Amino acid sequence: MKLFIILIFITLFCCSYPDIDSVPDFKDLKLSKEELFDLCQLSSDDKKDIDACIKKKQQR
């Protein structure tokens, strides 16, 4: 009986977490120059591509 009650409580607490669909939209996120460089460097190692990516992200 104790196991059953514990199982019910665990189930209730686990179901109280928000759904993955409730993750906020990060379109208006402001990044520093270092963060922009790191983000663009992950997508390409070419200097021209990194510079183009940084300019594109700064215009937003």
PDB file of N, CA and C in Angstrom:
ATOM      1  N   MET A   1       0.819  -1.191   0.000  1.00  0.00           N
ATOM      2  CA  MET A   1       0.000   0.000   0.000  1.00  0.00           C
ATOM      3  C   MET A   1       0.867   1.260   0.000  1.00  0.00           C
ATOM      4  N   LYS A   2       1.971   1.224   0.760  1.00  0.00           N
ATOM      5  CA  LYS A   2       2.881   2.367   0.799  1.00  0.00           C
ATOM      6  C   LYS A   2       3.475   2.623  -0.583  1.00  0.00           C
ATOM      7  N   LEU A   3       3.809   1.572  -1.255  1.00  0.00           N
ATOM      8  CA  LEU A   3       4.380   1.701  -2.590  1.00  0.00           C
ATOM      9  C   LEU A   3       3.383   2.343  -3.557  1.00  0.00           C
ATOM     10  N   PHE A   4       2.141   1.969  -3.446  1.00  0.00           N
ATOM     11  CA  PHE A   4       1.095   2.530  -4.295  1.00  0.00           C
ATOM     12  C   PHE A   4       0.924   4.031  -4.047  1.00  0.00           C
ATOM     13  N   ILE A   5       0.929   4.441  -2.805  1.00  0.00           N
ATOM     14  CA  ILE A   5       0.784   5.861  -2.446  1.00  0.00           C
ATOM     15  C   ILE A   5       2.003   6.648  -2.924  1.00  0.00           C
ATOM     16  N   ILE A   6       3.172   6.102  -2.740  1.00  0.00           N
ATOM     17  CA  ILE A   6       4.396   6.760  -3.208  1.00  0.00           C
ATOM     18  C   ILE A   6       4.381   6.903  -4.726  1.00  0.00           C
ATOM     19  N   LEU A   7       3.924   5.887  -5.416  1.00  0.00           N
ATOM     20  CA  LEU A   7       3.825   5.926  -6.864  1.00  0.00           C
ATOM     21  C   LEU A   7       2.847   7.006  -7.334  1.00  0.00           C
ATOM     22  N   ILE A   8       1.754   7.161  -6.646  1.00  0.00           N
ATOM     23  CA  ILE A   8       0.781   8.205  -6.980  1.00  0.00           C
ATOM     24  C   ILE A   8       1.394   9.590  -6.787  1.00  0.00           C
ATOM     25  N   PHE A   9       2.086   9.812  -5.670  1.00  0.00           N
ATOM     26  CA  PHE A   9       2.714  11.106  -5.435  1.00  0.00           C
ATOM     27  C   PHE A   9       3.795  11.410  -6.463  1.00  0.00           C
ATOM     28  N   ILE A  10       4.593  10.441  -6.800  1.00  0.00           N
ATOM     29  CA  ILE A  10       5.640  10.639  -7.815  1.00  0.00           C
ATOM     30  C   ILE A  10       5.005  10.995  -9.157  1.00  0.00           C
ATOM     31  N   THR A  11       3.940  10.321  -9.506  1.00  0.00           N
ATOM     32  CA  THR A  11       3.251  10.602 -10.767  1.00  0.00           C
ATOM     33  C   THR A  11       2.676  12.007 -10.777  1.00  0.00           C
ATOM     34  N   LEU A  12       2.101  12.441  -9.681  1.00  0.00           N
ATOM     35  CA  LEU A  12       1.535  13.787  -9.604  1.00  0.00           C
ATOM     36  C   LEU A  12       2.611  14.861  -9.727  1.00  0.00           C
ATOM     37  N   PHE A  13       3.732  14.658  -9.076  1.00  0.00           N
ATOM     38  CA  PHE A  13       4.804  15.643  -9.133  1.00  0.00           C
ATOM     39  C   PHE A  13       5.472  15.665 -10.502  1.00  0.00           C
ATOM     40  N   CYS A  14       5.613  14.536 -11.139  1.00  0.00           N
ATOM     41  CA  CYS A  14       6.236  14.481 -12.461  1.00  0.00           C
ATOM     42  C   CYS A  14       5.357  15.127 -13.523  1.00  0.00           C
ATOM     43  N   CYS A  15       4.092  15.077 -13.369  1.00  0.00           N
ATOM     44  CA  CYS A  15       3.177  15.644 -14.354  1.00  0.00           C
ATOM     45  C   CYS A  15       3.020  17.153 -14.208  1.00  0.00           C
ATOM     46  N   SER A  16       3.608  17.741 -13.207  1.00  0.00           N
ATOM     47  CA  SER A  16       3.432  19.174 -12.995  1.00  0.00           C
ATOM     48  C   SER A  16       4.449  20.014 -13.763  1.00  0.00           C
ATOM     49  N   TYR A  17       5.419  19.401 -14.424  1.00  0.00           N
ATOM     50  CA  TYR A  17       6.405  20.156 -15.187  1.00  0.00           C
ATOM     51  C   TYR A  17       5.782  20.695 -16.460  1.00  0.00           C
ATOM     52  N   PRO A  18       6.209  21.905 -16.896  1.00  0.00           N
ATOM     53  CA  PRO A  18       5.639  22.491 -18.113  1.00  0.00           C
ATOM     54  C   PRO A  18       6.001  21.679 -19.353  1.00  0.00           C
ATOM     55  N   ASP A  19       5.198  21.820 -20.333  1.00  0.00           N
ATOM     56  CA  ASP A  19       5.392  21.105 -21.580  1.00  0.00           C
ATOM     57  C   ASP A  19       6.542  21.723 -22.371  1.00  0.00           C
ATOM     58  N   ILE A  20       7.177  20.939 -23.212  1.00  0.00           N
ATOM     59  CA  ILE A  20       8.293  21.422 -24.030  1.00  0.00           C
ATOM     60  C   ILE A  20       7.829  22.503 -25.002  1.00  0.00           C
ATOM     61  N   ASP A  21       6.562  22.537 -25.341  1.00  0.00           N
ATOM     62  CA  ASP A  21       6.045  23.546 -26.258  1.00  0.00           C
ATOM     63  C   ASP A  21       5.979  24.929 -25.629  1.00  0.00           C
ATOM     64  N   SER A  22       6.174  25.026 -24.346  1.00  0.00           N
ATOM     65  CA  SER A  22       6.108  26.320 -23.673  1.00  0.00           C
ATOM     66  C   SER A  22       7.469  27.023 -23.608  1.00  0.00           C
ATOM     67  N   VAL A  23       8.444  26.569 -24.378  1.00  0.00           N
ATOM     68  CA  VAL A  23       9.759  27.203 -24.421  1.00  0.00           C
ATOM     69  C   VAL A  23       9.618  28.557 -25.122  1.00  0.00           C
ATOM     70  N   PRO A  24      10.193  29.619 -24.560  1.00  0.00           N
ATOM     71  CA  PRO A  24      10.025  30.940 -25.160  1.00  0.00           C
ATOM     72  C   PRO A  24      10.720  31.062 -26.520  1.00  0.00           C
ATOM     73  N   ASP A  25      10.292  32.034 -27.297  1.00  0.00           N
ATOM     74  CA  ASP A  25      10.892  32.321 -28.587  1.00  0.00           C
ATOM     75  C   ASP A  25      12.055  33.293 -28.359  1.00  0.00           C
ATOM     76  N   PHE A  26      13.216  32.983 -28.896  1.00  0.00           N
ATOM     77  CA  PHE A  26      14.413  33.787 -28.649  1.00  0.00           C
ATOM     78  C   PHE A  26      14.756  34.702 -29.825  1.00  0.00           C
ATOM     79  N   LYS A  27      13.752  35.136 -30.591  1.00  0.00           N
ATOM     80  CA  LYS A  27      14.021  35.984 -31.752  1.00  0.00           C
ATOM     81  C   LYS A  27      14.501  37.371 -31.361  1.00  0.00           C
ATOM     82  N   ASP A  28      14.070  37.902 -30.232  1.00  0.00           N
ATOM     83  CA  ASP A  28      14.441  39.251 -29.809  1.00  0.00           C
ATOM     84  C   ASP A  28      15.612  39.251 -28.824  1.00  0.00           C
ATOM     85  N   LEU A  29      16.374  38.197 -28.805  1.00  0.00           N
ATOM     86  CA  LEU A  29      17.499  38.075 -27.883  1.00  0.00           C
ATOM     87  C   LEU A  29      18.659  38.947 -28.357  1.00  0.00           C
ATOM     88  N   LYS A  30      19.200  39.764 -27.478  1.00  0.00           N
ATOM     89  CA  LYS A  30      20.329  40.629 -27.798  1.00  0.00           C
ATOM     90  C   LYS A  30      21.621  39.922 -27.398  1.00  0.00           C
ATOM     91  N   LEU A  31      22.526  39.745 -28.356  1.00  0.00           N
ATOM     92  CA  LEU A  31      23.792  39.068 -28.102  1.00  0.00           C
ATOM     93  C   LEU A  31      24.940  40.066 -28.174  1.00  0.00           C
ATOM     94  N   SER A  32      25.975  39.828 -27.370  1.00  0.00           N
ATOM     95  CA  SER A  32      27.167  40.671 -27.428  1.00  0.00           C
ATOM     96  C   SER A  32      27.980  40.272 -28.659  1.00  0.00           C
ATOM     97  N   LYS A  33      29.007  41.057 -28.974  1.00  0.00           N
ATOM     98  CA  LYS A  33      29.843  40.762 -30.140  1.00  0.00           C
ATOM     99  C   LYS A  33      30.555  39.417 -29.981  1.00  0.00           C
ATOM    100  N   GLU A  34      30.991  39.117 -28.782  1.00  0.00           N
ATOM    101  CA  GLU A  34      31.665  37.842 -28.541  1.00  0.00           C
ATOM    102  C   GLU A  34      30.711  36.664 -28.730  1.00  0.00           C
ATOM    103  N   GLU A  35      29.493  36.832 -28.237  1.00  0.00           N
ATOM    104  CA  GLU A  35      28.493  35.772 -28.387  1.00  0.00           C
ATOM    105  C   GLU A  35      28.109  35.573 -29.844  1.00  0.00           C
ATOM    106  N   LEU A  36      27.998  36.684 -30.591  1.00  0.00           N
ATOM    107  CA  LEU A  36      27.706  36.583 -32.019  1.00  0.00           C
ATOM    108  C   LEU A  36      28.825  35.860 -32.755  1.00  0.00           C
ATOM    109  N   PHE A  37      30.065  36.194 -32.414  1.00  0.00           N
ATOM    110  CA  PHE A  37      31.204  35.548 -33.052  1.00  0.00           C
ATOM    111  C   PHE A  37      31.203  34.053 -32.760  1.00  0.00           C
ATOM    112  N   ASP A  38      30.965  33.681 -31.515  1.00  0.00           N
ATOM    113  CA  ASP A  38      30.919  32.262 -31.155  1.00  0.00           C
ATOM    114  C   ASP A  38      29.795  31.536 -31.887  1.00  0.00           C
ATOM    115  N   LEU A  39      28.634  32.164 -31.964  1.00  0.00           N
ATOM    116  CA  LEU A  39      27.494  31.565 -32.648  1.00  0.00           C
ATOM    117  C   LEU A  39      27.789  31.363 -34.128  1.00  0.00           C
ATOM    118  N   CYS A  40      28.356  32.359 -34.776  1.00  0.00           N
ATOM    119  CA  CYS A  40      28.645  32.265 -36.207  1.00  0.00           C
ATOM    120  C   CYS A  40      29.826  31.332 -36.484  1.00  0.00           C
ATOM    121  N   GLN A  41      30.746  31.256 -35.557  1.00  0.00           N
ATOM    122  CA  GLN A  41      31.905  30.374 -35.739  1.00  0.00           C
ATOM    123  C   GLN A  41      31.491  28.909 -35.693  1.00  0.00           C
ATOM    124  N   LEU A  42      30.422  28.606 -34.980  1.00  0.00           N
ATOM    125  CA  LEU A  42      29.933  27.226 -34.931  1.00  0.00           C
ATOM    126  C   LEU A  42      29.420  26.764 -36.288  1.00  0.00           C
ATOM    127  N   SER A  43      28.901  27.694 -37.084  1.00  0.00           N
ATOM    128  CA  SER A  43      28.324  27.304 -38.370  1.00  0.00           C
ATOM    129  C   SER A  43      29.361  27.247 -39.485  1.00  0.00           C
ATOM    130  N   SER A  44      30.482  27.968 -39.353  1.00  0.00           N
ATOM    131  CA  SER A  44      31.478  27.983 -40.420  1.00  0.00           C
ATOM    132  C   SER A  44      32.837  28.387 -39.863  1.00  0.00           C
ATOM    133  N   ASP A  45      33.896  27.928 -40.533  1.00  0.00           N
ATOM    134  CA  ASP A  45      35.255  28.320 -40.158  1.00  0.00           C
ATOM    135  C   ASP A  45      35.821  29.375 -41.100  1.00  0.00           C
ATOM    136  N   ASP A  46      35.121  29.646 -42.194  1.00  0.00           N
ATOM    137  CA  ASP A  46      35.575  30.614 -43.175  1.00  0.00           C
ATOM    138  C   ASP A  46      35.341  32.030 -42.656  1.00  0.00           C
ATOM    139  N   LYS A  47      36.374  32.889 -42.735  1.00  0.00           N
ATOM    140  CA  LYS A  47      36.302  34.261 -42.213  1.00  0.00           C
ATOM    141  C   LYS A  47      35.193  35.059 -42.885  1.00  0.00           C
ATOM    142  N   LYS A  48      35.027  34.907 -44.202  1.00  0.00           N
ATOM    143  CA  LYS A  48      33.991  35.651 -44.924  1.00  0.00           C
ATOM    144  C   LYS A  48      32.601  35.237 -44.452  1.00  0.00           C
ATOM    145  N   ASP A  49      32.407  33.942 -44.256  1.00  0.00           N
ATOM    146  CA  ASP A  49      31.110  33.456 -43.788  1.00  0.00           C
ATOM    147  C   ASP A  49      30.806  33.943 -42.372  1.00  0.00           C
ATOM    148  N   ILE A  50      31.823  33.973 -41.530  1.00  0.00           N
ATOM    149  CA  ILE A  50      31.645  34.441 -40.148  1.00  0.00           C
ATOM    150  C   ILE A  50      31.269  35.918 -40.143  1.00  0.00           C
ATOM    151  N   ASP A  51      31.988  36.735 -40.946  1.00  0.00           N
ATOM    152  CA  ASP A  51      31.690  38.167 -41.016  1.00  0.00           C
ATOM    153  C   ASP A  51      30.279  38.416 -41.556  1.00  0.00           C
ATOM    154  N   ALA A  52      29.896  37.666 -42.590  1.00  0.00           N
ATOM    155  CA  ALA A  52      28.559  37.817 -43.163  1.00  0.00           C
ATOM    156  C   ALA A  52      27.489  37.424 -42.140  1.00  0.00           C
ATOM    157  N   CYS A  53      27.734  36.363 -41.401  1.00  0.00           N
ATOM    158  CA  CYS A  53      26.797  35.903 -40.383  1.00  0.00           C
ATOM    159  C   CYS A  53      26.626  36.959 -39.282  1.00  0.00           C
ATOM    160  N   ILE A  54      27.740  37.547 -38.846  1.00  0.00           N
ATOM    161  CA  ILE A  54      27.697  38.567 -37.784  1.00  0.00           C
ATOM    162  C   ILE A  54      26.910  39.786 -38.267  1.00  0.00           C
ATOM    163  N   LYS A  55      27.169  40.243 -39.499  1.00  0.00           N
ATOM    164  CA  LYS A  55      26.430  41.392 -40.033  1.00  0.00           C
ATOM    165  C   LYS A  55      24.952  41.098 -40.135  1.00  0.00           C
ATOM    166  N   LYS A  56      24.617  39.887 -40.574  1.00  0.00           N
ATOM    167  CA  LYS A  56      23.215  39.492 -40.720  1.00  0.00           C
ATOM    168  C   LYS A  56      22.519  39.474 -39.362  1.00  0.00           C
ATOM    169  N   LYS A  57      23.188  38.932 -38.352  1.00  0.00           N
ATOM    170  CA  LYS A  57      22.594  38.837 -37.008  1.00  0.00           C
ATOM    171  C   LYS A  57      22.470  40.195 -36.340  1.00  0.00           C
ATOM    172  N   GLN A  58      23.411  41.118 -36.623  1.00  0.00           N
ATOM    173  CA  GLN A  58      23.366  42.451 -36.009  1.00  0.00           C
ATOM    174  C   GLN A  58      22.232  43.288 -36.583  1.00  0.00           C
ATOM    175  N   GLN A  59      21.818  43.014 -37.811  1.00  0.00           N
ATOM    176  CA  GLN A  59      20.760  43.802 -38.443  1.00  0.00           C
ATOM    177  C   GLN A  59      19.399  43.490 -37.840  1.00  0.00           C
ATOM    178  N   ARG A  60      19.251  42.379 -37.199  1.00  0.00           N
ATOM    179  CA  ARG A  60      17.964  41.997 -36.611  1.00  0.00           C
ATOM    180  C   ARG A  60      17.626  42.847 -35.469  1.00  0.00           C
TER     181      ARG A  60
END
